[in-house]
Amino acid sequence: MPYTLTSAATLGYDLVRLPGGRQAAGVVVAALRSGPAERALLAAHHPLRTSDPSADPLHAAEEGARARELAAAGPRLQDTAGAAGAVAAGEQVRLAALAEQLRRSMVGSASAFEHLVRTEAMDPLGGHDDHLGGDPGDGDAALDRALAADVLADAAVAAYAARELPRALRRHLSEPYERAVAGAVPGTFELAPDPRTPWGPALAEVLDGLRHTDAPGRLRWRAAVDAARARGARDAALARSWSEAMHDACWAAHTSGRTAAAAAAQMLAVQAFLDGGFGVDDGATGVWNAVSGCVQGVLVADLLGEESLALLAQPWAAVTGEALAGC
């Protein structure tokens, strides 16, 4: 399944369950943030441009190809069909094995993630880069973009496929990106919520709340998800209504030109979620979905109907006892 900026919440679902998910989310944010100056900085650290004699471009290309072969072996969600129908030593053993496979399996893949970073994330508005101040006819700018895309893509694969790649190979792939970020002015590749936007203050509140979640707070999130799941089990229409509200919120972001902002918000939420101590099980069992719904609702609170907005914001109210700002 391909990843898209419009469905960044689905990408987030995968990233919060990966050991390199926080870093992978950061690469998406950096790609979204990259204008001509940022691309020139990234391109300067490409093996073709660096003066480091140890950075042999041919070796780098070979390592990149090897990493992508290894990354392709990661577990995919569609691969669980065989496990579901397999005959095991016992039903409990089979179900436990299936649950673990579902917990680790991705909706997308490393190659799908790389494609998102190279294409949509580097040009979220589509077309040429006029909106970023670049000249589509400028050969230097085009080369910078291509080299920067390589640097970001290698870092993306290294982070996404951290389970499949040897540590030395991951470090080799991500080093040019890390050097670029380390050598940049602080904040260059960050995409913090803009307080001037309608959603900026509310989004900052959500991210800060997630980032500083303590153990009792994590329990409250899990309880809120369990309660919502129980309500959905009693009334299937409620579960459908949440899914429809999330779909409407993603569509509202798309039609209002907020796709890139919403995708950045989801990636920042991935980082805040992990910083707040939530684990793989929280990502797999519904807590991430609840969080991503709150984030998406904040981004389009001025465009959604009251019922849809209330559904998306409900977990925040259940956890904090307060209404979601802006909702």
C-alpha atoms as a PDB file:
ATOM      1  CA  MET A   1       0.000   0.000   0.000  1.00  0.00           C
ATOM      2  CA  PRO A   2       1.425   3.435  -0.885  1.00  0.00           C
ATOM      3  CA  TYR A   3       1.822   6.143   1.711  1.00  0.00           C
ATOM      4  CA  THR A   4       0.448   9.609   0.964  1.00  0.00           C
ATOM      5  CA  LEU A   5       0.519  12.930   2.755  1.00  0.00           C
ATOM      6  CA  THR A   6      -3.275  12.872   2.781  1.00  0.00           C
ATOM      7  CA  SER A   7      -3.222   9.649   4.809  1.00  0.00           C
ATOM      8  CA  ALA A   8      -0.304  10.650   7.042  1.00  0.00           C
ATOM      9  CA  ALA A   9      -2.167   9.238  10.061  1.00  0.00           C
ATOM     10  CA  THR A  10      -1.766   5.765   8.532  1.00  0.00           C
ATOM     11  CA  LEU A  11       1.942   6.371   8.091  1.00  0.00           C
ATOM     12  CA  GLY A  12       2.014   7.478  11.711  1.00  0.00           C
ATOM     13  CA  TYR A  13       0.381   4.197  12.732  1.00  0.00           C
ATOM     14  CA  ASP A  14       3.327   2.362  11.214  1.00  0.00           C
ATOM     15  CA  LEU A  15       6.013   4.726  12.505  1.00  0.00           C
ATOM     16  CA  VAL A  16       4.947   4.581  16.163  1.00  0.00           C
ATOM     17  CA  ARG A  17       5.456   0.812  16.001  1.00  0.00           C
ATOM     18  CA  LEU A  18       8.961   0.974  14.521  1.00  0.00           C
ATOM     19  CA  PRO A  19      12.203   1.329  16.502  1.00  0.00           C
ATOM     20  CA  GLY A  20      13.332   4.066  14.100  1.00  0.00           C
ATOM     21  CA  GLY A  21       9.911   5.686  13.844  1.00  0.00           C
ATOM     22  CA  ARG A  22      10.846   8.918  15.583  1.00  0.00           C
ATOM     23  CA  GLN A  23      13.771   9.475  13.245  1.00  0.00           C
ATOM     24  CA  ALA A  24      11.659   8.530  10.217  1.00  0.00           C
ATOM     25  CA  ALA A  25       9.044  11.117  11.162  1.00  0.00           C
ATOM     26  CA  GLY A  26      11.809  13.699  11.455  1.00  0.00           C
ATOM     27  CA  VAL A  27      12.948  12.954   7.905  1.00  0.00           C
ATOM     28  CA  VAL A  28       9.432  13.613   6.591  1.00  0.00           C
ATOM     29  CA  VAL A  29       9.326  16.909   8.485  1.00  0.00           C
ATOM     30  CA  ALA A  30      12.740  17.858   7.064  1.00  0.00           C
ATOM     31  CA  ALA A  31      11.547  17.045   3.540  1.00  0.00           C
ATOM     32  CA  LEU A  32       8.404  19.144   4.032  1.00  0.00           C
ATOM     33  CA  ARG A  33      10.564  21.985   5.351  1.00  0.00           C
ATOM     34  CA  SER A  34      13.136  21.870   2.561  1.00  0.00           C
ATOM     35  CA  GLY A  35      13.223  24.923   0.343  1.00  0.00           C
ATOM     36  CA  PRO A  36      16.146  25.832  -1.948  1.00  0.00           C
ATOM     37  CA  ALA A  37      18.482  26.750   0.926  1.00  0.00           C
ATOM     38  CA  GLU A  38      17.760  23.558   2.864  1.00  0.00           C
ATOM     39  CA  ARG A  39      18.157  21.451  -0.270  1.00  0.00           C
ATOM     40  CA  ALA A  40      21.519  23.054  -1.029  1.00  0.00           C
ATOM     41  CA  LEU A  41      22.655  22.223   2.499  1.00  0.00           C
ATOM     42  CA  LEU A  42      21.533  18.611   2.213  1.00  0.00           C
ATOM     43  CA  ALA A  43      23.076  18.289  -1.255  1.00  0.00           C
ATOM     44  CA  ALA A  44      26.419  19.537   0.087  1.00  0.00           C
ATOM     45  CA  HIS A  45      26.604  16.384   2.216  1.00  0.00           C
ATOM     46  CA  HIS A  46      25.828  13.986  -0.635  1.00  0.00           C
ATOM     47  CA  PRO A  47      28.729  11.579  -1.373  1.00  0.00           C
ATOM     48  CA  LEU A  48      29.065  13.174  -4.814  1.00  0.00           C
ATOM     49  CA  ARG A  49      29.763  16.576  -3.255  1.00  0.00           C
ATOM     50  CA  THR A  50      31.528  15.913   0.014  1.00  0.00           C
ATOM     51  CA  SER A  51      35.280  16.306   0.266  1.00  0.00           C
ATOM     52  CA  ASP A  52      35.493  13.405   2.700  1.00  0.00           C
ATOM     53  CA  PRO A  53      37.733  10.821   0.991  1.00  0.00           C
ATOM     54  CA  SER A  54      35.952   8.022   2.866  1.00  0.00           C
ATOM     55  CA  ALA A  55      32.657   8.923   1.192  1.00  0.00           C
ATOM     56  CA  ASP A  56      33.104   6.972  -2.024  1.00  0.00           C
ATOM     57  CA  PRO A  57      29.983   7.567  -4.191  1.00  0.00           C
ATOM     58  CA  LEU A  58      30.182   4.095  -5.761  1.00  0.00           C
ATOM     59  CA  HIS A  59      30.430   2.429  -2.362  1.00  0.00           C
ATOM     60  CA  ALA A  60      27.567   4.587  -1.101  1.00  0.00           C
ATOM     61  CA  ALA A  61      25.400   3.502  -4.042  1.00  0.00           C
ATOM     62  CA  GLU A  62      26.207  -0.160  -3.424  1.00  0.00           C
ATOM     63  CA  GLU A  63      25.385   0.188   0.267  1.00  0.00           C
ATOM     64  CA  GLY A  64      22.120   1.918  -0.603  1.00  0.00           C
ATOM     65  CA  ALA A  65      21.116  -0.892  -2.940  1.00  0.00           C
ATOM     66  CA  ARG A  66      21.970  -3.518  -0.310  1.00  0.00           C
ATOM     67  CA  ALA A  67      19.967  -1.659   2.336  1.00  0.00           C
ATOM     68  CA  ARG A  68      16.905  -1.542   0.130  1.00  0.00           C
ATOM     69  CA  GLU A  69      17.111  -5.274  -0.527  1.00  0.00           C
ATOM     70  CA  LEU A  70      17.246  -5.959   3.203  1.00  0.00           C
ATOM     71  CA  ALA A  71      14.474  -3.454   3.920  1.00  0.00           C
ATOM     72  CA  ALA A  72      12.143  -5.273   1.534  1.00  0.00           C
ATOM     73  CA  ALA A  73      12.126  -8.229   3.939  1.00  0.00           C
ATOM     74  CA  GLY A  74      10.180  -6.289   6.580  1.00  0.00           C
ATOM     75  CA  PRO A  75       6.833  -7.786   7.645  1.00  0.00           C
ATOM     76  CA  ARG A  76       3.820  -6.517   5.732  1.00  0.00           C
ATOM     77  CA  LEU A  77       0.219  -6.538   6.870  1.00  0.00           C
ATOM     78  CA  GLN A  78      -0.967  -8.552   3.870  1.00  0.00           C
ATOM     79  CA  ASP A  79       1.486 -11.301   4.845  1.00  0.00           C
ATOM     80  CA  THR A  80      -0.573 -12.080   7.945  1.00  0.00           C
ATOM     81  CA  ALA A  81      -3.271 -13.841   5.902  1.00  0.00           C
ATOM     82  CA  GLY A  82      -1.209 -17.025   5.779  1.00  0.00           C
ATOM     83  CA  ALA A  83      -0.572 -16.905   9.507  1.00  0.00           C
ATOM     84  CA  ALA A  84      -4.268 -16.464  10.194  1.00  0.00           C
ATOM     85  CA  GLY A  85      -5.134 -19.633   8.344  1.00  0.00           C
ATOM     86  CA  ALA A  86      -2.143 -21.713   9.397  1.00  0.00           C
ATOM     87  CA  VAL A  87      -2.580 -24.769  11.566  1.00  0.00           C
ATOM     88  CA  ALA A  88      -0.561 -24.364  14.767  1.00  0.00           C
ATOM     89  CA  ALA A  89       0.056 -26.539  17.793  1.00  0.00           C
ATOM     90  CA  GLY A  90      -2.983 -25.019  19.437  1.00  0.00           C
ATOM     91  CA  GLU A  91      -5.471 -22.209  19.023  1.00  0.00           C
ATOM     92  CA  GLN A  92      -3.860 -20.056  21.708  1.00  0.00           C
ATOM     93  CA  VAL A  93      -0.417 -20.476  20.166  1.00  0.00           C
ATOM     94  CA  ARG A  94      -1.791 -19.599  16.744  1.00  0.00           C
ATOM     95  CA  LEU A  95      -3.603 -16.524  17.997  1.00  0.00           C
ATOM     96  CA  ALA A  96      -0.554 -15.355  19.944  1.00  0.00           C
ATOM     97  CA  ALA A  97       1.625 -15.730  16.851  1.00  0.00           C
ATOM     98  CA  LEU A  98      -0.907 -13.870  14.728  1.00  0.00           C
ATOM     99  CA  ALA A  99      -1.189 -11.061  17.291  1.00  0.00           C
ATOM    100  CA  GLU A 100       2.579 -10.613  17.352  1.00  0.00           C
ATOM    101  CA  GLN A 101       2.731 -10.586  13.564  1.00  0.00           C
ATOM    102  CA  LEU A 102      -0.012  -7.969  13.406  1.00  0.00           C
ATOM    103  CA  ARG A 103       1.805  -5.939  16.045  1.00  0.00           C
ATOM    104  CA  ARG A 104       4.976  -5.858  13.944  1.00  0.00           C
ATOM    105  CA  SER A 105       3.540  -5.766  10.424  1.00  0.00           C
ATOM    106  CA  MET A 106       3.430  -2.553   8.435  1.00  0.00           C
ATOM    107  CA  VAL A 107       0.607  -1.212   6.298  1.00  0.00           C
ATOM    108  CA  GLY A 108       3.175   0.149   3.859  1.00  0.00           C
ATOM    109  CA  SER A 109       6.822  -0.606   3.180  1.00  0.00           C
ATOM    110  CA  ALA A 110      10.270   0.964   3.160  1.00  0.00           C
ATOM    111  CA  SER A 111      10.031   1.539  -0.578  1.00  0.00           C
ATOM    112  CA  ALA A 112       6.630   3.215  -0.193  1.00  0.00           C
ATOM    113  CA  PHE A 113       8.066   5.437   2.524  1.00  0.00           C
ATOM    114  CA  GLU A 114      11.050   6.370   0.385  1.00  0.00           C
ATOM    115  CA  HIS A 115       8.730   7.255  -2.490  1.00  0.00           C
ATOM    116  CA  LEU A 116       6.690   9.537  -0.231  1.00  0.00           C
ATOM    117  CA  VAL A 117       9.807  11.355   0.968  1.00  0.00           C
ATOM    118  CA  ARG A 118      11.243  11.769  -2.541  1.00  0.00           C
ATOM    119  CA  THR A 119       8.044  12.969  -4.173  1.00  0.00           C
ATOM    120  CA  GLU A 120       5.144  14.310  -2.110  1.00  0.00           C
ATOM    121  CA  ALA A 121       7.067  15.442   0.956  1.00  0.00           C
ATOM    122  CA  MET A 122       9.660  17.350  -1.066  1.00  0.00           C
ATOM    123  CA  ASP A 123       7.012  19.074  -3.141  1.00  0.00           C
ATOM    124  CA  PRO A 124       3.813  19.010  -1.044  1.00  0.00           C
ATOM    125  CA  LEU A 125       1.974  21.537  -3.207  1.00  0.00           C
ATOM    126  CA  GLY A 126       2.708  19.677  -6.425  1.00  0.00           C
ATOM    127  CA  GLY A 127       4.217  20.978  -9.622  1.00  0.00           C
ATOM    128  CA  HIS A 128       7.332  23.128  -9.611  1.00  0.00           C
ATOM    129  CA  ASP A 129       8.987  24.790  -6.650  1.00  0.00           C
ATOM    130  CA  ASP A 130       7.962  28.360  -7.470  1.00  0.00           C
ATOM    131  CA  HIS A 131       6.245  28.652  -4.085  1.00  0.00           C
ATOM    132  CA  LEU A 132       9.592  28.014  -2.409  1.00  0.00           C
ATOM    133  CA  GLY A 133      11.430  30.617  -4.415  1.00  0.00           C
ATOM    134  CA  GLY A 134      13.158  28.183  -6.756  1.00  0.00           C
ATOM    135  CA  ASP A 135      13.480  28.533 -10.491  1.00  0.00           C
ATOM    136  CA  PRO A 136      12.216  25.371 -12.226  1.00  0.00           C
ATOM    137  CA  GLY A 137      14.611  26.123 -15.078  1.00  0.00           C
ATOM    138  CA  ASP A 138      17.645  26.474 -12.815  1.00  0.00           C
ATOM    139  CA  GLY A 139      19.898  23.477 -13.389  1.00  0.00           C
ATOM    140  CA  ASP A 140      21.787  23.989 -10.132  1.00  0.00           C
ATOM    141  CA  ALA A 141      18.545  24.049  -8.168  1.00  0.00           C
ATOM    142  CA  ALA A 142      17.349  20.890  -9.929  1.00  0.00           C
ATOM    143  CA  LEU A 143      20.605  19.119  -9.122  1.00  0.00           C
ATOM    144  CA  ASP A 144      20.413  20.259  -5.500  1.00  0.00           C
ATOM    145  CA  ARG A 145      16.911  18.849  -5.301  1.00  0.00           C
ATOM    146  CA  ALA A 146      17.988  15.494  -6.737  1.00  0.00           C
ATOM    147  CA  LEU A 147      20.972  15.181  -4.411  1.00  0.00           C
ATOM    148  CA  ALA A 148      18.963  16.343  -1.402  1.00  0.00           C
ATOM    149  CA  ALA A 149      16.315  13.747  -2.252  1.00  0.00           C
ATOM    150  CA  ASP A 150      18.998  11.053  -2.204  1.00  0.00           C
ATOM    151  CA  VAL A 151      20.229  12.185   1.217  1.00  0.00           C
ATOM    152  CA  LEU A 152      16.716  12.280   2.661  1.00  0.00           C
ATOM    153  CA  ALA A 153      15.725   8.973   1.059  1.00  0.00           C
ATOM    154  CA  ASP A 154      18.755   7.160   2.461  1.00  0.00           C
ATOM    155  CA  ALA A 155      18.001   8.512   5.936  1.00  0.00           C
ATOM    156  CA  ALA A 156      14.351   7.518   5.498  1.00  0.00           C
ATOM    157  CA  VAL A 157      15.223   3.920   4.607  1.00  0.00           C
ATOM    158  CA  ALA A 158      17.760   3.704   7.452  1.00  0.00           C
ATOM    159  CA  ALA A 159      15.175   4.809  10.010  1.00  0.00           C
ATOM    160  CA  TYR A 160      12.174   2.908   8.637  1.00  0.00           C
ATOM    161  CA  ALA A 161      14.055  -0.382   8.235  1.00  0.00           C
ATOM    162  CA  ALA A 162      16.011  -0.179  11.501  1.00  0.00           C
ATOM    163  CA  ARG A 163      14.849  -3.710  12.411  1.00  0.00           C
ATOM    164  CA  GLU A 164      16.160  -5.199   9.184  1.00  0.00           C
ATOM    165  CA  LEU A 165      19.429  -3.315   8.665  1.00  0.00           C
ATOM    166  CA  PRO A 166      22.752  -3.855  10.458  1.00  0.00           C
ATOM    167  CA  ARG A 167      23.704  -0.911  12.664  1.00  0.00           C
ATOM    168  CA  ALA A 168      26.793  -0.015  10.608  1.00  0.00           C
ATOM    169  CA  LEU A 169      24.746   0.117   7.411  1.00  0.00           C
ATOM    170  CA  ARG A 170      22.055   2.265   9.017  1.00  0.00           C
ATOM    171  CA  ARG A 171      24.683   4.685  10.248  1.00  0.00           C
ATOM    172  CA  HIS A 172      26.332   4.843   6.833  1.00  0.00           C
ATOM    173  CA  LEU A 173      23.027   5.687   5.162  1.00  0.00           C
ATOM    174  CA  SER A 174      21.911   8.290   7.669  1.00  0.00           C
ATOM    175  CA  GLU A 175      25.257  10.019   8.228  1.00  0.00           C
ATOM    176  CA  PRO A 176      24.987  12.599   5.384  1.00  0.00           C
ATOM    177  CA  TYR A 177      21.552  13.681   6.625  1.00  0.00           C
ATOM    178  CA  GLU A 178      22.675  13.834  10.239  1.00  0.00           C
ATOM    179  CA  ARG A 179      25.699  15.927   9.297  1.00  0.00           C
ATOM    180  CA  ALA A 180      23.521  18.340   7.364  1.00  0.00           C
ATOM    181  CA  VAL A 181      21.115  18.738  10.281  1.00  0.00           C
ATOM    182  CA  ALA A 182      23.939  19.063  12.802  1.00  0.00           C
ATOM    183  CA  GLY A 183      25.610  21.768  10.717  1.00  0.00           C
ATOM    184  CA  ALA A 184      22.442  23.767  10.114  1.00  0.00           C
ATOM    185  CA  VAL A 185      21.175  26.750  12.042  1.00  0.00           C
ATOM    186  CA  PRO A 186      18.996  25.370  14.870  1.00  0.00           C
ATOM    187  CA  GLY A 187      15.411  25.030  13.720  1.00  0.00           C
ATOM    188  CA  THR A 188      16.270  24.848  10.015  1.00  0.00           C
ATOM    189  CA  PHE A 189      14.627  21.482   9.464  1.00  0.00           C
ATOM    190  CA  GLU A 190      11.981  21.756  12.165  1.00  0.00           C
ATOM    191  CA  LEU A 191       8.349  22.430  11.410  1.00  0.00           C
ATOM    192  CA  ALA A 192       6.831  23.591  14.672  1.00  0.00           C
ATOM    193  CA  PRO A 193       3.165  24.663  14.718  1.00  0.00           C
ATOM    194  CA  ASP A 194       2.803  28.217  13.414  1.00  0.00           C
ATOM    195  CA  PRO A 195       0.948  30.248  16.087  1.00  0.00           C
ATOM    196  CA  ARG A 196      -0.418  32.515  13.345  1.00  0.00           C
ATOM    197  CA  THR A 197      -2.508  29.708  11.835  1.00  0.00           C
ATOM    198  CA  PRO A 198      -6.009  28.934  13.135  1.00  0.00           C
ATOM    199  CA  TRP A 199      -4.802  25.565  14.409  1.00  0.00           C
ATOM    200  CA  GLY A 200      -1.328  26.511  15.649  1.00  0.00           C
ATOM    201  CA  PRO A 201      -2.017  27.155  19.368  1.00  0.00           C
ATOM    202  CA  ALA A 202      -4.349  24.161  19.724  1.00  0.00           C
ATOM    203  CA  LEU A 203      -1.896  21.847  17.973  1.00  0.00           C
ATOM    204  CA  ALA A 204       0.955  23.081  20.169  1.00  0.00           C
ATOM    205  CA  GLU A 205      -1.183  22.271  23.223  1.00  0.00           C
ATOM    206  CA  VAL A 206      -1.870  18.731  22.019  1.00  0.00           C
ATOM    207  CA  LEU A 207       1.773  18.048  21.173  1.00  0.00           C
ATOM    208  CA  ASP A 208       2.976  19.461  24.485  1.00  0.00           C
ATOM    209  CA  GLY A 209       0.415  17.389  26.364  1.00  0.00           C
ATOM    210  CA  LEU A 210       1.497  14.219  24.593  1.00  0.00           C
ATOM    211  CA  ARG A 211       5.182  14.936  25.053  1.00  0.00           C
ATOM    212  CA  HIS A 212       4.774  15.313  28.809  1.00  0.00           C
ATOM    213  CA  THR A 213       2.428  12.376  29.392  1.00  0.00           C
ATOM    214  CA  ASP A 214       3.222  10.490  32.584  1.00  0.00           C
ATOM    215  CA  ALA A 215       2.355   6.906  33.544  1.00  0.00           C
ATOM    216  CA  PRO A 216      -1.131   7.773  34.891  1.00  0.00           C
ATOM    217  CA  GLY A 217      -1.758   9.781  31.734  1.00  0.00           C
ATOM    218  CA  ARG A 218      -0.874   6.842  29.538  1.00  0.00           C
ATOM    219  CA  LEU A 219      -3.300   4.714  31.545  1.00  0.00           C
ATOM    220  CA  ARG A 220      -6.031   7.297  30.954  1.00  0.00           C
ATOM    221  CA  TRP A 221      -5.402   7.201  27.184  1.00  0.00           C
ATOM    222  CA  ARG A 222      -5.631   3.407  27.200  1.00  0.00           C
ATOM    223  CA  ALA A 223      -8.814   3.493  29.258  1.00  0.00           C
ATOM    224  CA  ALA A 224     -10.366   6.038  26.884  1.00  0.00           C
ATOM    225  CA  VAL A 225      -9.559   3.801  23.915  1.00  0.00           C
ATOM    226  CA  ASP A 226     -10.927   0.707  25.672  1.00  0.00           C
ATOM    227  CA  ALA A 227     -14.139   2.574  26.511  1.00  0.00           C
ATOM    228  CA  ALA A 228     -14.544   3.723  22.913  1.00  0.00           C
ATOM    229  CA  ARG A 229     -13.912   0.192  21.682  1.00  0.00           C
ATOM    230  CA  ALA A 230     -16.559  -1.161  24.063  1.00  0.00           C
ATOM    231  CA  ARG A 231     -19.066   1.397  22.801  1.00  0.00           C
ATOM    232  CA  GLY A 232     -18.211   0.427  19.227  1.00  0.00           C
ATOM    233  CA  ALA A 233     -18.732  -3.240  20.027  1.00  0.00           C
ATOM    234  CA  ARG A 234     -22.220  -2.445  21.319  1.00  0.00           C
ATOM    235  CA  ASP A 235     -23.032  -0.162  18.407  1.00  0.00           C
ATOM    236  CA  ALA A 236     -21.143  -0.726  15.161  1.00  0.00           C
ATOM    237  CA  ALA A 237     -22.440   2.596  13.843  1.00  0.00           C
ATOM    238  CA  LEU A 238     -20.255   4.417  16.374  1.00  0.00           C
ATOM    239  CA  ALA A 239     -17.104   2.742  15.044  1.00  0.00           C
ATOM    240  CA  ARG A 240     -18.131   3.582  11.490  1.00  0.00           C
ATOM    241  CA  SER A 241     -18.896   7.155  12.520  1.00  0.00           C
ATOM    242  CA  TRP A 242     -15.363   7.668  13.880  1.00  0.00           C
ATOM    243  CA  SER A 243     -13.839   6.297  10.670  1.00  0.00           C
ATOM    244  CA  GLU A 244     -16.106   8.512   8.597  1.00  0.00           C
ATOM    245  CA  ALA A 245     -15.218  11.546  10.721  1.00  0.00           C
ATOM    246  CA  MET A 246     -11.507  10.851  10.240  1.00  0.00           C
ATOM    247  CA  HIS A 247     -12.025  10.452   6.507  1.00  0.00           C
ATOM    248  CA  ASP A 248     -13.931  13.741   6.401  1.00  0.00           C
ATOM    249  CA  ALA A 249     -11.148  15.470   8.344  1.00  0.00           C
ATOM    250  CA  CYS A 250      -8.471  14.191   5.957  1.00  0.00           C
ATOM    251  CA  TRP A 251     -10.569  15.239   2.977  1.00  0.00           C
ATOM    252  CA  ALA A 252     -11.164  18.668   4.506  1.00  0.00           C
ATOM    253  CA  ALA A 253      -7.406  19.147   4.914  1.00  0.00           C
ATOM    254  CA  HIS A 254      -6.884  18.116   1.296  1.00  0.00           C
ATOM    255  CA  THR A 255      -9.535  20.363  -0.217  1.00  0.00           C
ATOM    256  CA  SER A 256      -8.510  23.368   1.917  1.00  0.00           C
ATOM    257  CA  GLY A 257      -4.842  23.180   0.983  1.00  0.00           C
ATOM    258  CA  ARG A 258      -3.770  21.986   4.437  1.00  0.00           C
ATOM    259  CA  THR A 259      -2.467  18.569   3.423  1.00  0.00           C
ATOM    260  CA  ALA A 260       1.180  19.420   4.086  1.00  0.00           C
ATOM    261  CA  ALA A 261       0.332  21.116   7.388  1.00  0.00           C
ATOM    262  CA  ALA A 262      -1.734  18.123   8.497  1.00  0.00           C
ATOM    263  CA  ALA A 263       1.001  15.676   7.474  1.00  0.00           C
ATOM    264  CA  ALA A 264       3.596  17.682   9.392  1.00  0.00           C
ATOM    265  CA  ALA A 265       1.283  17.722  12.399  1.00  0.00           C
ATOM    266  CA  GLN A 266       0.900  13.943  12.264  1.00  0.00           C
ATOM    267  CA  MET A 267       4.686  13.483  12.079  1.00  0.00           C
ATOM    268  CA  LEU A 268       5.222  15.844  15.012  1.00  0.00           C
ATOM    269  CA  ALA A 269       2.563  13.851  16.856  1.00  0.00           C
ATOM    270  CA  VAL A 270       4.521  10.645  16.175  1.00  0.00           C
ATOM    271  CA  GLN A 271       7.525  12.194  17.883  1.00  0.00           C
ATOM    272  CA  ALA A 272       5.474  13.567  20.795  1.00  0.00           C
ATOM    273  CA  PHE A 273       3.703  10.187  21.186  1.00  0.00           C
ATOM    274  CA  LEU A 274       7.006   8.364  21.489  1.00  0.00           C
ATOM    275  CA  ASP A 275       8.537  11.061  23.678  1.00  0.00           C
ATOM    276  CA  GLY A 276       5.535  10.645  25.983  1.00  0.00           C
ATOM    277  CA  GLY A 277       6.480   7.034  26.682  1.00  0.00           C
ATOM    278  CA  PHE A 278       3.821   5.299  24.591  1.00  0.00           C
ATOM    279  CA  GLY A 279       4.978   1.958  23.221  1.00  0.00           C
ATOM    280  CA  VAL A 280       4.402  -0.427  20.357  1.00  0.00           C
ATOM    281  CA  ASP A 281       1.317  -1.927  21.987  1.00  0.00           C
ATOM    282  CA  ASP A 282      -0.215   1.543  22.370  1.00  0.00           C
ATOM    283  CA  GLY A 283       0.358   2.134  18.689  1.00  0.00           C
ATOM    284  CA  ALA A 284      -1.079  -1.217  17.695  1.00  0.00           C
ATOM    285  CA  THR A 285      -4.152  -1.261  19.937  1.00  0.00           C
ATOM    286  CA  GLY A 286      -5.771   2.076  19.200  1.00  0.00           C
ATOM    287  CA  VAL A 287      -4.071   4.785  21.251  1.00  0.00           C
ATOM    288  CA  TRP A 288      -2.281   6.161  18.203  1.00  0.00           C
ATOM    289  CA  ASN A 289      -5.539   6.221  16.244  1.00  0.00           C
ATOM    290  CA  ALA A 290      -7.149   8.249  19.028  1.00  0.00           C
ATOM    291  CA  VAL A 291      -4.227  10.674  19.092  1.00  0.00           C
ATOM    292  CA  SER A 292      -4.097  11.073  15.321  1.00  0.00           C
ATOM    293  CA  GLY A 293      -7.842  11.757  15.258  1.00  0.00           C
ATOM    294  CA  CYS A 294      -7.411  14.570  17.788  1.00  0.00           C
ATOM    295  CA  VAL A 295      -4.551  16.050  15.749  1.00  0.00           C
ATOM    296  CA  GLN A 296      -6.475  15.875  12.484  1.00  0.00           C
ATOM    297  CA  GLY A 297      -9.538  17.395  14.144  1.00  0.00           C
ATOM    298  CA  VAL A 298      -7.484  20.348  15.386  1.00  0.00           C
ATOM    299  CA  LEU A 299      -6.200  21.033  11.871  1.00  0.00           C
ATOM    300  CA  VAL A 300      -9.674  21.342  10.382  1.00  0.00           C
ATOM    301  CA  ALA A 301     -11.779  22.335  13.396  1.00  0.00           C
ATOM    302  CA  ASP A 302     -13.120  25.342  11.481  1.00  0.00           C
ATOM    303  CA  LEU A 303     -14.241  23.153   8.574  1.00  0.00           C
ATOM    304  CA  LEU A 304     -15.749  20.041  10.174  1.00  0.00           C
ATOM    305  CA  GLY A 305     -19.304  19.575  11.363  1.00  0.00           C
ATOM    306  CA  GLU A 306     -19.885  19.564  15.117  1.00  0.00           C
ATOM    307  CA  GLU A 307     -20.677  15.844  15.294  1.00  0.00           C
ATOM    308  CA  SER A 308     -17.530  14.749  13.453  1.00  0.00           C
ATOM    309  CA  LEU A 309     -15.362  17.124  15.432  1.00  0.00           C
ATOM    310  CA  ALA A 310     -16.812  15.914  18.727  1.00  0.00           C
ATOM    311  CA  LEU A 311     -16.047  12.299  17.802  1.00  0.00           C
ATOM    312  CA  LEU A 312     -12.426  13.062  16.987  1.00  0.00           C
ATOM    313  CA  ALA A 313     -11.908  15.261  20.045  1.00  0.00           C
ATOM    314  CA  GLN A 314     -13.637  12.919  22.500  1.00  0.00           C
ATOM    315  CA  PRO A 315     -10.480  11.014  23.604  1.00  0.00           C
ATOM    316  CA  TRP A 316      -8.760  14.258  24.572  1.00  0.00           C
ATOM    317  CA  ALA A 317     -11.723  15.257  26.726  1.00  0.00           C
ATOM    318  CA  ALA A 318     -11.808  11.791  28.332  1.00  0.00           C
ATOM    319  CA  VAL A 319      -8.086  11.919  29.132  1.00  0.00           C
ATOM    320  CA  THR A 320      -7.683  15.525  30.222  1.00  0.00           C
ATOM    321  CA  GLY A 321     -11.191  16.426  31.375  1.00  0.00           C
ATOM    322  CA  GLU A 322     -11.020  19.468  29.114  1.00  0.00           C
ATOM    323  CA  ALA A 323     -12.304  20.288  25.660  1.00  0.00           C
ATOM    324  CA  LEU A 324      -9.730  20.252  22.895  1.00  0.00           C
ATOM    325  CA  ALA A 325      -8.699  23.853  22.212  1.00  0.00           C
ATOM    326  CA  GLY A 326     -10.272  25.173  19.055  1.00  0.00           C
ATOM    327  CA  CYS A 327     -12.829  22.381  19.014  1.00  0.00           C
END
